[in-house]
Amino acid sequence: MEVIKVVLLTVALVSIAMLGLATQILLKKGGKFPNTHVGGNKYLKRQGIHCAQTQDKVERAKVKRQVDFKNVRIANTSK
């Protein structure tokens, strides 16, 4: 019987917490979750800081432009 009380109390507390966290989103017209991604932060954008995926994509594009496949030669390693 005590286990049921603890479970019900836990469910009630979690429900109250979720309702408290969602009040602004639910009650505000056009309310939405805030963008917490690195790409959505204007201060980090000014400093040139990107998320890992974007930074990887930029670096891969740089390397792709630098590699010239027209002048690639296969070295003869057998002597």
PDB file of N, CA and C in Angstrom:
ATOM      1  N   MET A   1       0.813  -1.191   0.000  1.00  0.00           N
ATOM      2  CA  MET A   1       0.000   0.000   0.000  1.00  0.00           C
ATOM      3  C   MET A   1       0.862   1.263   0.000  1.00  0.00           C
ATOM      4  N   GLU A   2       1.992   1.205   0.694  1.00  0.00           N
ATOM      5  CA  GLU A   2       2.873   2.365   0.745  1.00  0.00           C
ATOM      6  C   GLU A   2       3.548   2.609  -0.601  1.00  0.00           C
ATOM      7  N   VAL A   3       3.787   1.545  -1.355  1.00  0.00           N
ATOM      8  CA  VAL A   3       4.401   1.691  -2.671  1.00  0.00           C
ATOM      9  C   VAL A   3       3.468   2.462  -3.595  1.00  0.00           C
ATOM     10  N   ILE A   4       2.185   2.167  -3.515  1.00  0.00           N
ATOM     11  CA  ILE A   4       1.199   2.855  -4.349  1.00  0.00           C
ATOM     12  C   ILE A   4       1.154   4.343  -3.989  1.00  0.00           C
ATOM     13  N   LYS A   5       1.239   4.662  -2.702  1.00  0.00           N
ATOM     14  CA  LYS A   5       1.242   6.060  -2.273  1.00  0.00           C
ATOM     15  C   LYS A   5       2.455   6.799  -2.831  1.00  0.00           C
ATOM     16  N   VAL A   6       3.609   6.146  -2.780  1.00  0.00           N
ATOM     17  CA  VAL A   6       4.839   6.760  -3.280  1.00  0.00           C
ATOM     18  C   VAL A   6       4.747   6.975  -4.791  1.00  0.00           C
ATOM     19  N   VAL A   7       4.233   5.987  -5.510  1.00  0.00           N
ATOM     20  CA  VAL A   7       4.101   6.099  -6.965  1.00  0.00           C
ATOM     21  C   VAL A   7       3.129   7.220  -7.323  1.00  0.00           C
ATOM     22  N   LEU A   8       1.989   7.284  -6.645  1.00  0.00           N
ATOM     23  CA  LEU A   8       1.011   8.336  -6.918  1.00  0.00           C
ATOM     24  C   LEU A   8       1.567   9.717  -6.584  1.00  0.00           C
ATOM     25  N   LEU A   9       2.295   9.812  -5.482  1.00  0.00           N
ATOM     26  CA  LEU A   9       2.917  11.078  -5.111  1.00  0.00           C
ATOM     27  C   LEU A   9       3.948  11.501  -6.159  1.00  0.00           C
ATOM     28  N   THR A  10       4.719  10.550  -6.634  1.00  0.00           N
ATOM     29  CA  THR A  10       5.721  10.833  -7.663  1.00  0.00           C
ATOM     30  C   THR A  10       5.063  11.307  -8.951  1.00  0.00           C
ATOM     31  N   VAL A  11       4.017  10.621  -9.369  1.00  0.00           N
ATOM     32  CA  VAL A  11       3.297  11.015 -10.585  1.00  0.00           C
ATOM     33  C   VAL A  11       2.709  12.414 -10.426  1.00  0.00           C
ATOM     34  N   ALA A  12       2.159  12.702  -9.261  1.00  0.00           N
ATOM     35  CA  ALA A  12       1.574  14.019  -9.014  1.00  0.00           C
ATOM     36  C   ALA A  12       2.644  15.109  -9.060  1.00  0.00           C
ATOM     37  N   LEU A  13       3.782  14.875  -8.433  1.00  0.00           N
ATOM     38  CA  LEU A  13       4.852  15.869  -8.425  1.00  0.00           C
ATOM     39  C   LEU A  13       5.430  16.101  -9.824  1.00  0.00           C
ATOM     40  N   VAL A  14       5.611  15.034 -10.569  1.00  0.00           N
ATOM     41  CA  VAL A  14       6.126  15.170 -11.936  1.00  0.00           C
ATOM     42  C   VAL A  14       5.121  15.914 -12.809  1.00  0.00           C
ATOM     43  N   SER A  15       3.839  15.628 -12.624  1.00  0.00           N
ATOM     44  CA  SER A  15       2.794  16.323 -13.388  1.00  0.00           C
ATOM     45  C   SER A  15       2.781  17.814 -13.077  1.00  0.00           C
ATOM     46  N   ILE A  16       2.897  18.158 -11.812  1.00  0.00           N
ATOM     47  CA  ILE A  16       2.931  19.570 -11.416  1.00  0.00           C
ATOM     48  C   ILE A  16       4.169  20.257 -12.000  1.00  0.00           C
ATOM     49  N   ALA A  17       5.290  19.574 -11.969  1.00  0.00           N
ATOM     50  CA  ALA A  17       6.523  20.148 -12.516  1.00  0.00           C
ATOM     51  C   ALA A  17       6.403  20.370 -14.022  1.00  0.00           C
ATOM     52  N   MET A  18       5.869  19.404 -14.736  1.00  0.00           N
ATOM     53  CA  MET A  18       5.702  19.540 -16.187  1.00  0.00           C
ATOM     54  C   MET A  18       4.730  20.662 -16.522  1.00  0.00           C
ATOM     55  N   LEU A  19       3.656  20.764 -15.779  1.00  0.00           N
ATOM     56  CA  LEU A  19       2.686  21.831 -15.998  1.00  0.00           C
ATOM     57  C   LEU A  19       3.327  23.194 -15.719  1.00  0.00           C
ATOM     58  N   GLY A  20       4.127  23.260 -14.672  1.00  0.00           N
ATOM     59  CA  GLY A  20       4.815  24.508 -14.356  1.00  0.00           C
ATOM     60  C   GLY A  20       5.806  24.914 -15.434  1.00  0.00           C
ATOM     61  N   LEU A  21       6.513  23.952 -15.997  1.00  0.00           N
ATOM     62  CA  LEU A  21       7.483  24.254 -17.045  1.00  0.00           C
ATOM     63  C   LEU A  21       6.808  24.630 -18.363  1.00  0.00           C
ATOM     64  N   ALA A  22       5.618  24.098 -18.593  1.00  0.00           N
ATOM     65  CA  ALA A  22       4.945  24.301 -19.875  1.00  0.00           C
ATOM     66  C   ALA A  22       3.947  25.449 -19.866  1.00  0.00           C
ATOM     67  N   THR A  23       3.762  26.137 -18.739  1.00  0.00           N
ATOM     68  CA  THR A  23       2.724  27.175 -18.678  1.00  0.00           C
ATOM     69  C   THR A  23       2.950  28.277 -19.703  1.00  0.00           C
ATOM     70  N   GLN A  24       4.162  28.751 -19.850  1.00  0.00           N
ATOM     71  CA  GLN A  24       4.419  29.826 -20.803  1.00  0.00           C
ATOM     72  C   GLN A  24       4.184  29.344 -22.233  1.00  0.00           C
ATOM     73  N   ILE A  25       4.563  28.122 -22.517  1.00  0.00           N
ATOM     74  CA  ILE A  25       4.385  27.590 -23.864  1.00  0.00           C
ATOM     75  C   ILE A  25       2.909  27.356 -24.155  1.00  0.00           C
ATOM     76  N   LEU A  26       2.176  26.855 -23.172  1.00  0.00           N
ATOM     77  CA  LEU A  26       0.766  26.549 -23.383  1.00  0.00           C
ATOM     78  C   LEU A  26      -0.113  27.796 -23.377  1.00  0.00           C
ATOM     79  N   LEU A  27       0.162  28.759 -22.523  1.00  0.00           N
ATOM     80  CA  LEU A  27      -0.709  29.913 -22.366  1.00  0.00           C
ATOM     81  C   LEU A  27      -0.371  31.073 -23.300  1.00  0.00           C
ATOM     82  N   LYS A  28       0.863  31.211 -23.679  1.00  0.00           N
ATOM     83  CA  LYS A  28       1.274  32.313 -24.533  1.00  0.00           C
ATOM     84  C   LYS A  28       0.865  32.018 -25.975  1.00  0.00           C
ATOM     85  N   LYS A  29       0.288  33.007 -26.636  1.00  0.00           N
ATOM     86  CA  LYS A  29      -0.133  32.817 -28.021  1.00  0.00           C
ATOM     87  C   LYS A  29       1.111  32.684 -28.902  1.00  0.00           C
ATOM     88  N   GLY A  30       1.171  31.625 -29.656  1.00  0.00           N
ATOM     89  CA  GLY A  30       2.344  31.370 -30.487  1.00  0.00           C
ATOM     90  C   GLY A  30       3.541  30.924 -29.676  1.00  0.00           C
ATOM     91  N   GLY A  31       3.309  30.437 -28.474  1.00  0.00           N
ATOM     92  CA  GLY A  31       4.409  30.002 -27.617  1.00  0.00           C
ATOM     93  C   GLY A  31       5.104  28.781 -28.188  1.00  0.00           C
ATOM     94  N   LYS A  32       6.411  28.738 -28.056  1.00  0.00           N
ATOM     95  CA  LYS A  32       7.177  27.593 -28.538  1.00  0.00           C
ATOM     96  C   LYS A  32       8.396  27.411 -27.640  1.00  0.00           C
ATOM     97  N   PHE A  33       9.024  26.257 -27.770  1.00  0.00           N
ATOM     98  CA  PHE A  33      10.210  25.979 -26.988  1.00  0.00           C
ATOM     99  C   PHE A  33      11.348  26.890 -27.452  1.00  0.00           C
ATOM    100  N   PRO A  34      12.178  27.361 -26.542  1.00  0.00           N
ATOM    101  CA  PRO A  34      13.292  28.222 -26.950  1.00  0.00           C
ATOM    102  C   PRO A  34      14.339  27.422 -27.719  1.00  0.00           C
ATOM    103  N   ASN A  35      14.995  28.081 -28.651  1.00  0.00           N
ATOM    104  CA  ASN A  35      16.047  27.441 -29.429  1.00  0.00           C
ATOM    105  C   ASN A  35      17.328  27.467 -28.603  1.00  0.00           C
ATOM    106  N   THR A  36      17.744  26.319 -28.119  1.00  0.00           N
ATOM    107  CA  THR A  36      18.948  26.240 -27.290  1.00  0.00           C
ATOM    108  C   THR A  36      20.142  25.714 -28.073  1.00  0.00           C
ATOM    109  N   HIS A  37      19.980  25.532 -29.374  1.00  0.00           N
ATOM    110  CA  HIS A  37      21.062  25.018 -30.205  1.00  0.00           C
ATOM    111  C   HIS A  37      22.130  26.088 -30.392  1.00  0.00           C
ATOM    112  N   VAL A  38      23.354  25.679 -30.576  1.00  0.00           N
ATOM    113  CA  VAL A  38      24.466  26.613 -30.742  1.00  0.00           C
ATOM    114  C   VAL A  38      24.232  27.503 -31.962  1.00  0.00           C
ATOM    115  N   GLY A  39      23.658  26.957 -33.017  1.00  0.00           N
ATOM    116  CA  GLY A  39      23.419  27.726 -34.234  1.00  0.00           C
ATOM    117  C   GLY A  39      22.388  28.826 -34.052  1.00  0.00           C
ATOM    118  N   GLY A  40      21.558  28.748 -33.031  1.00  0.00           N
ATOM    119  CA  GLY A  40      20.544  29.758 -32.793  1.00  0.00           C
ATOM    120  C   GLY A  40      20.996  30.881 -31.875  1.00  0.00           C
ATOM    121  N   ASN A  41      22.224  30.847 -31.416  1.00  0.00           N
ATOM    122  CA  ASN A  41      22.732  31.852 -30.488  1.00  0.00           C
ATOM    123  C   ASN A  41      23.469  32.942 -31.271  1.00  0.00           C
ATOM    124  N   LYS A  42      22.922  34.167 -31.274  1.00  0.00           N
ATOM    125  CA  LYS A  42      23.509  35.238 -32.085  1.00  0.00           C
ATOM    126  C   LYS A  42      24.882  35.673 -31.570  1.00  0.00           C
ATOM    127  N   TYR A  43      25.133  35.554 -30.288  1.00  0.00           N
ATOM    128  CA  TYR A  43      26.430  35.957 -29.740  1.00  0.00           C
ATOM    129  C   TYR A  43      27.535  34.990 -30.176  1.00  0.00           C
ATOM    130  N   LEU A  44      27.217  33.703 -30.224  1.00  0.00           N
ATOM    131  CA  LEU A  44      28.207  32.738 -30.695  1.00  0.00           C
ATOM    132  C   LEU A  44      28.430  32.880 -32.198  1.00  0.00           C
ATOM    133  N   LYS A  45      27.379  33.231 -32.943  1.00  0.00           N
ATOM    134  CA  LYS A  45      27.529  33.449 -34.386  1.00  0.00           C
ATOM    135  C   LYS A  45      28.494  34.596 -34.655  1.00  0.00           C
ATOM    136  N   ARG A  46      28.381  35.668 -33.866  1.00  0.00           N
ATOM    137  CA  ARG A  46      29.280  36.815 -34.040  1.00  0.00           C
ATOM    138  C   ARG A  46      30.732  36.425 -33.841  1.00  0.00           C
ATOM    139  N   GLN A  47      30.974  35.487 -32.934  1.00  0.00           N
ATOM    140  CA  GLN A  47      32.344  35.055 -32.653  1.00  0.00           C
ATOM    141  C   GLN A  47      32.807  33.962 -33.606  1.00  0.00           C
ATOM    142  N   GLY A  48      31.932  33.514 -34.497  1.00  0.00           N
ATOM    143  CA  GLY A  48      32.301  32.483 -35.464  1.00  0.00           C
ATOM    144  C   GLY A  48      32.279  31.084 -34.895  1.00  0.00           C
ATOM    145  N   ILE A  49      31.548  30.874 -33.822  1.00  0.00           N
ATOM    146  CA  ILE A  49      31.463  29.559 -33.196  1.00  0.00           C
ATOM    147  C   ILE A  49      30.233  28.843 -33.735  1.00  0.00           C
ATOM    148  N   HIS A  50      30.436  27.625 -34.227  1.00  0.00           N
ATOM    149  CA  HIS A  50      29.346  26.829 -34.785  1.00  0.00           C
ATOM    150  C   HIS A  50      29.242  25.521 -34.024  1.00  0.00           C
ATOM    151  N   CYS A  51      28.163  24.790 -34.274  1.00  0.00           N
ATOM    152  CA  CYS A  51      28.033  23.467 -33.671  1.00  0.00           C
ATOM    153  C   CYS A  51      29.010  22.516 -34.364  1.00  0.00           C
ATOM    154  N   ALA A  52      29.226  21.362 -33.801  1.00  0.00           N
ATOM    155  CA  ALA A  52      30.204  20.411 -34.321  1.00  0.00           C
ATOM    156  C   ALA A  52      29.842  19.950 -35.725  1.00  0.00           C
ATOM    157  N   GLN A  53      28.567  19.715 -35.990  1.00  0.00           N
ATOM    158  CA  GLN A  53      28.154  19.252 -37.320  1.00  0.00           C
ATOM    159  C   GLN A  53      28.416  20.316 -38.377  1.00  0.00           C
ATOM    160  N   THR A  54      28.075  21.556 -38.084  1.00  0.00           N
ATOM    161  CA  THR A  54      28.292  22.634 -39.045  1.00  0.00           C
ATOM    162  C   THR A  54      29.779  22.858 -39.270  1.00  0.00           C
ATOM    163  N   GLN A  55      30.549  22.821 -38.213  1.00  0.00           N
ATOM    164  CA  GLN A  55      31.986  23.024 -38.332  1.00  0.00           C
ATOM    165  C   GLN A  55      32.617  21.905 -39.158  1.00  0.00           C
ATOM    166  N   ASP A  56      32.166  20.673 -38.961  1.00  0.00           N
ATOM    167  CA  ASP A  56      32.667  19.548 -39.736  1.00  0.00           C
ATOM    168  C   ASP A  56      32.312  19.712 -41.210  1.00  0.00           C
ATOM    169  N   LYS A  57      31.088  20.157 -41.481  1.00  0.00           N
ATOM    170  CA  LYS A  57      30.644  20.352 -42.859  1.00  0.00           C
ATOM    171  C   LYS A  57      31.480  21.422 -43.561  1.00  0.00           C
ATOM    172  N   VAL A  58      31.785  22.505 -42.857  1.00  0.00           N
ATOM    173  CA  VAL A  58      32.593  23.588 -43.426  1.00  0.00           C
ATOM    174  C   VAL A  58      34.008  23.106 -43.709  1.00  0.00           C
ATOM    175  N   GLU A  59      34.596  22.373 -42.772  1.00  0.00           N
ATOM    176  CA  GLU A  59      35.963  21.880 -42.961  1.00  0.00           C
ATOM    177  C   GLU A  59      36.041  20.872 -44.099  1.00  0.00           C
ATOM    178  N   ARG A  60      35.041  20.013 -44.240  1.00  0.00           N
ATOM    179  CA  ARG A  60      35.025  19.055 -45.352  1.00  0.00           C
ATOM    180  C   ARG A  60      34.924  19.777 -46.690  1.00  0.00           C
ATOM    181  N   ALA A  61      34.136  20.843 -46.740  1.00  0.00           N
ATOM    182  CA  ALA A  61      34.010  21.615 -47.979  1.00  0.00           C
ATOM    183  C   ALA A  61      35.337  22.280 -48.335  1.00  0.00           C
ATOM    184  N   LYS A  62      36.066  22.775 -47.330  1.00  0.00           N
ATOM    185  CA  LYS A  62      37.374  23.390 -47.578  1.00  0.00           C
ATOM    186  C   LYS A  62      38.350  22.373 -48.164  1.00  0.00           C
ATOM    187  N   VAL A  63      38.384  21.186 -47.581  1.00  0.00           N
ATOM    188  CA  VAL A  63      39.305  20.150 -48.042  1.00  0.00           C
ATOM    189  C   VAL A  63      38.930  19.707 -49.448  1.00  0.00           C
ATOM    190  N   LYS A  64      37.654  19.596 -49.709  1.00  0.00           N
ATOM    191  CA  LYS A  64      37.192  19.161 -51.027  1.00  0.00           C
ATOM    192  C   LYS A  64      37.626  20.153 -52.099  1.00  0.00           C
ATOM    193  N   ARG A  65      37.615  21.447 -51.776  1.00  0.00           N
ATOM    194  CA  ARG A  65      38.058  22.465 -52.729  1.00  0.00           C
ATOM    195  C   ARG A  65      39.571  22.435 -52.918  1.00  0.00           C
ATOM    196  N   GLN A  66      40.315  22.070 -51.883  1.00  0.00           N
ATOM    197  CA  GLN A  66      41.770  22.102 -51.958  1.00  0.00           C
ATOM    198  C   GLN A  66      42.341  20.925 -52.733  1.00  0.00           C
ATOM    199  N   VAL A  67      41.675  19.786 -52.690  1.00  0.00           N
ATOM    200  CA  VAL A  67      42.198  18.592 -53.340  1.00  0.00           C
ATOM    201  C   VAL A  67      41.947  18.702 -54.838  1.00  0.00           C
ATOM    202  N   ASP A  68      43.016  18.567 -55.619  1.00  0.00           N
ATOM    203  CA  ASP A  68      42.917  18.625 -57.074  1.00  0.00           C
ATOM    204  C   ASP A  68      43.122  17.214 -57.601  1.00  0.00           C
ATOM    205  N   PHE A  69      42.051  16.568 -58.004  1.00  0.00           N
ATOM    206  CA  PHE A  69      42.133  15.180 -58.434  1.00  0.00           C
ATOM    207  C   PHE A  69      42.664  15.044 -59.861  1.00  0.00           C
ATOM    208  N   LYS A  70      42.766  16.128 -60.611  1.00  0.00           N
ATOM    209  CA  LYS A  70      43.258  16.049 -61.988  1.00  0.00           C
ATOM    210  C   LYS A  70      44.753  15.769 -62.030  1.00  0.00           C
ATOM    211  N   ASN A  71      45.479  16.227 -61.037  1.00  0.00           N
ATOM    212  CA  ASN A  71      46.933  16.065 -61.038  1.00  0.00           C
ATOM    213  C   ASN A  71      47.408  14.999 -60.052  1.00  0.00           C
ATOM    214  N   VAL A  72      46.552  14.098 -59.661  1.00  0.00           N
ATOM    215  CA  VAL A  72      46.929  13.050 -58.719  1.00  0.00           C
ATOM    216  C   VAL A  72      47.658  11.946 -59.473  1.00  0.00           C
ATOM    217  N   ARG A  73      48.788  11.521 -58.937  1.00  0.00           N
ATOM    218  CA  ARG A  73      49.555  10.430 -59.542  1.00  0.00           C
ATOM    219  C   ARG A  73      49.702   9.317 -58.519  1.00  0.00           C
ATOM    220  N   ILE A  74      49.650   8.114 -58.994  1.00  0.00           N
ATOM    221  CA  ILE A  74      49.830   6.961 -58.119  1.00  0.00           C
ATOM    222  C   ILE A  74      51.319   6.649 -58.079  1.00  0.00           C
ATOM    223  N   ALA A  75      51.869   6.643 -56.896  1.00  0.00           N
ATOM    224  CA  ALA A  75      53.296   6.390 -56.731  1.00  0.00           C
ATOM    225  C   ALA A  75      53.569   4.902 -56.868  1.00  0.00           C
ATOM    226  N   ASN A  76      54.671   4.578 -57.500  1.00  0.00           N
ATOM    227  CA  ASN A  76      55.090   3.192 -57.660  1.00  0.00           C
ATOM    228  C   ASN A  76      55.905   2.814 -56.430  1.00  0.00           C
ATOM    229  N   THR A  77      55.312   2.003 -55.548  1.00  0.00           N
ATOM    230  CA  THR A  77      55.991   1.651 -54.305  1.00  0.00           C
ATOM    231  C   THR A  77      56.805   0.376 -54.420  1.00  0.00           C
ATOM    232  N   SER A  78      56.625  -0.391 -55.480  1.00  0.00           N
ATOM    233  CA  SER A  78      57.396  -1.637 -55.611  1.00  0.00           C
ATOM    234  C   SER A  78      58.744  -1.322 -56.244  1.00  0.00           C
ATOM    235  N   LYS A  79      59.818  -1.866 -55.647  1.00  0.00           N
ATOM    236  CA  LYS A  79      61.175  -1.597 -56.139  1.00  0.00           C
ATOM    237  C   LYS A  79      61.868  -2.858 -56.497  1.00  0.00           C
TER     238      LYS A  79
END
